[in-house]
Amino acid sequence: MPALLTENNFECRVSSVLNKNVQSYGKTYMFDNCSETCWNSDAGSPQWVLISFEDECGLSSFEVEFQGGFAGKNCHIEAGNDKKELTLVESFYPEDKNKLQRFNLKNQIRAKVFKFMFNESYDFFGRIIIYNLSLYS
């Protein structure tokens, strides 16, 4: 099962960063394979992570590691070939735990853009903390 983020060029955008402090909590920390760094969103819901590839890719599963107490709730994936025209693909339901969670999609998605929506958070203020996000074809 190839890892899409290590085998393809991609760009990532996020909804927010805690206090705009990208040096400590920026989006790149979701992909650095370090258990001590993370993306930390600012307060408010919804929060999201948008990943764009140069070429269309197939996504069949993904892994995400949240900080307990700051996991997403009521989540879904949107996909498409244009950032402005994404369609809802599938919902997923993370547990509020500090562990790597794997989600297998019902059907493989082929697209250039994947948006992970966290409509709510277990955190009272709506913050999301992600230590690791990996996508697989």
Protein backbone atom coordinates (compact mmCIF):
# COMPACT_ATOMS: atom_id res chain seq x y z
CA MET A 1 0.00 0.00 0.00
CA PRO A 2 1.96 3.05 -1.25
CA ALA A 3 2.13 6.15 0.94
CA LEU A 4 0.82 9.02 -1.20
CA LEU A 5 2.55 11.82 0.69
CA THR A 6 6.04 10.33 0.38
CA GLU A 7 5.71 9.28 -3.27
CA ASN A 8 4.04 12.41 -4.70
CA ASN A 9 4.53 16.16 -4.59
CA PHE A 10 1.75 17.79 -2.62
CA GLU A 11 0.67 21.07 -1.07
CA CYS A 12 -1.15 21.38 2.22
CA ARG A 13 -3.40 24.13 3.55
CA VAL A 14 -5.10 24.24 6.93
CA SER A 15 -7.99 26.21 8.33
CA SER A 16 -5.95 27.89 11.08
CA VAL A 17 -2.86 27.66 13.30
CA LEU A 18 -2.90 28.33 17.04
CA ASN A 19 -2.12 32.03 17.57
CA LYS A 20 -0.73 32.06 13.97
CA ASN A 21 2.42 30.46 15.43
CA VAL A 22 3.52 28.39 12.41
CA GLN A 23 7.04 27.98 13.84
CA SER A 24 5.68 25.87 16.70
CA TYR A 25 2.36 24.50 15.40
CA GLY A 26 2.41 24.71 11.60
CA LYS A 27 0.93 22.26 9.11
CA THR A 28 4.29 20.74 8.14
CA TYR A 29 4.54 19.08 11.55
CA MET A 30 1.81 16.59 10.56
CA PHE A 31 4.26 15.10 8.04
CA ASP A 32 7.65 15.20 9.81
CA ASN A 33 7.44 11.75 11.49
CA CYS A 34 8.26 13.29 14.87
CA SER A 35 6.08 12.32 17.83
CA GLU A 36 6.81 15.61 19.60
CA THR A 37 5.59 18.05 16.93
CA CYS A 38 2.06 18.69 15.72
CA TRP A 39 -0.33 20.93 13.84
CA ASN A 40 -2.49 22.77 16.35
CA SER A 41 -5.49 24.66 15.03
CA ASP A 42 -6.81 27.83 16.55
CA ALA A 43 -10.21 27.84 18.29
CA GLY A 44 -13.45 27.52 16.33
CA SER A 45 -15.30 25.00 14.22
CA PRO A 46 -15.07 23.69 11.62
CA GLN A 47 -11.37 23.03 11.11
CA TRP A 48 -9.91 21.36 8.01
CA VAL A 49 -6.80 20.05 6.26
CA LEU A 50 -6.64 20.32 2.45
CA ILE A 51 -4.08 18.27 0.51
CA SER A 52 -3.53 18.93 -3.21
CA PHE A 53 -1.52 16.74 -5.58
CA GLU A 54 -0.18 17.68 -9.03
CA ASP A 55 -1.70 14.53 -10.57
CA GLU A 56 -4.78 12.52 -9.77
CA CYS A 57 -4.17 9.90 -7.05
CA GLY A 58 -6.19 7.04 -5.64
CA LEU A 59 -6.93 7.15 -1.91
CA SER A 60 -8.08 3.95 -0.21
CA SER A 61 -7.17 4.62 3.43
CA PHE A 62 -5.57 7.13 5.75
CA GLU A 63 -4.12 7.32 9.23
CA VAL A 64 -4.41 10.19 11.66
CA GLU A 65 -3.01 10.64 15.17
CA PHE A 66 -4.78 13.23 17.31
CA GLN A 67 -3.96 14.48 20.77
CA GLY A 68 -6.57 13.10 23.18
CA GLY A 69 -9.08 15.80 24.05
CA PHE A 70 -8.42 17.57 20.72
CA ALA A 71 -9.64 14.96 18.23
CA GLY A 72 -12.09 15.68 15.45
CA LYS A 73 -15.75 14.76 15.77
CA ASN A 74 -18.38 14.54 13.05
CA CYS A 75 -15.72 14.33 10.33
CA HIS A 76 -15.80 13.70 6.60
CA ILE A 77 -13.63 13.70 3.49
CA GLU A 78 -14.32 15.80 0.42
CA ALA A 79 -12.53 15.21 -2.89
CA GLY A 80 -12.29 16.55 -6.41
CA ASN A 81 -9.90 17.81 -9.06
CA ASP A 82 -10.40 21.49 -8.23
CA LYS A 83 -10.10 23.10 -4.76
CA LYS A 84 -13.29 25.05 -5.40
CA GLU A 85 -15.46 22.10 -6.48
CA LEU A 86 -15.19 19.34 -3.92
CA THR A 87 -17.86 16.77 -3.14
CA LEU A 88 -18.52 14.90 0.08
CA VAL A 89 -17.17 11.38 -0.22
CA GLU A 90 -17.40 9.65 3.14
CA SER A 91 -17.76 10.34 6.86
CA PHE A 92 -15.35 8.99 9.46
CA TYR A 93 -15.53 8.84 13.23
CA PRO A 94 -12.24 9.15 15.16
CA GLU A 95 -11.90 8.10 18.77
CA ASP A 96 -10.78 10.69 21.29
CA LYS A 97 -7.43 8.99 21.96
CA ASN A 98 -3.69 9.58 21.65
CA LYS A 99 -3.11 6.78 19.17
CA LEU A 100 -2.69 6.32 15.44
CA GLN A 101 -6.11 5.54 13.95
CA ARG A 102 -6.57 3.97 10.52
CA PHE A 103 -9.65 4.54 8.35
CA ASN A 104 -10.33 2.34 5.33
CA LEU A 105 -12.64 3.89 2.76
CA LYS A 106 -15.55 1.90 1.35
CA ASN A 107 -14.36 2.68 -2.18
CA GLN A 108 -11.10 4.10 -3.45
CA ILE A 109 -11.34 7.83 -4.28
CA ARG A 110 -9.53 9.19 -7.36
CA ALA A 111 -8.84 12.92 -7.19
CA LYS A 112 -6.19 15.63 -7.05
CA VAL A 113 -7.57 17.33 -3.94
CA PHE A 114 -8.60 15.78 -0.61
CA LYS A 115 -10.12 17.82 2.19
CA PHE A 116 -10.43 16.42 5.70
CA MET A 117 -13.23 18.27 7.51
CA PHE A 118 -13.47 18.30 11.30
CA ASN A 119 -16.92 19.79 11.86
CA GLU A 120 -16.59 19.54 15.64
CA SER A 121 -13.90 18.77 18.20
CA TYR A 122 -13.80 17.05 21.56
CA ASP A 123 -12.18 20.29 22.77
CA PHE A 124 -14.65 22.82 24.18
CA PHE A 125 -13.08 25.59 22.05
CA GLY A 126 -13.05 23.58 18.80
CA ARG A 127 -9.28 23.11 18.55
CA ILE A 128 -7.79 20.16 16.65
CA ILE A 129 -4.29 18.76 17.28
CA ILE A 130 -2.79 16.30 14.78
CA TYR A 131 0.63 14.67 15.23
CA ASN A 132 0.54 12.55 12.09
CA LEU A 133 -1.51 12.36 8.91
CA SER A 134 -0.73 9.72 6.27
CA LEU A 135 -2.61 8.84 3.06
CA TYR A 136 -2.48 5.49 1.23
CA SER A 137 -3.50 4.30 -2.21
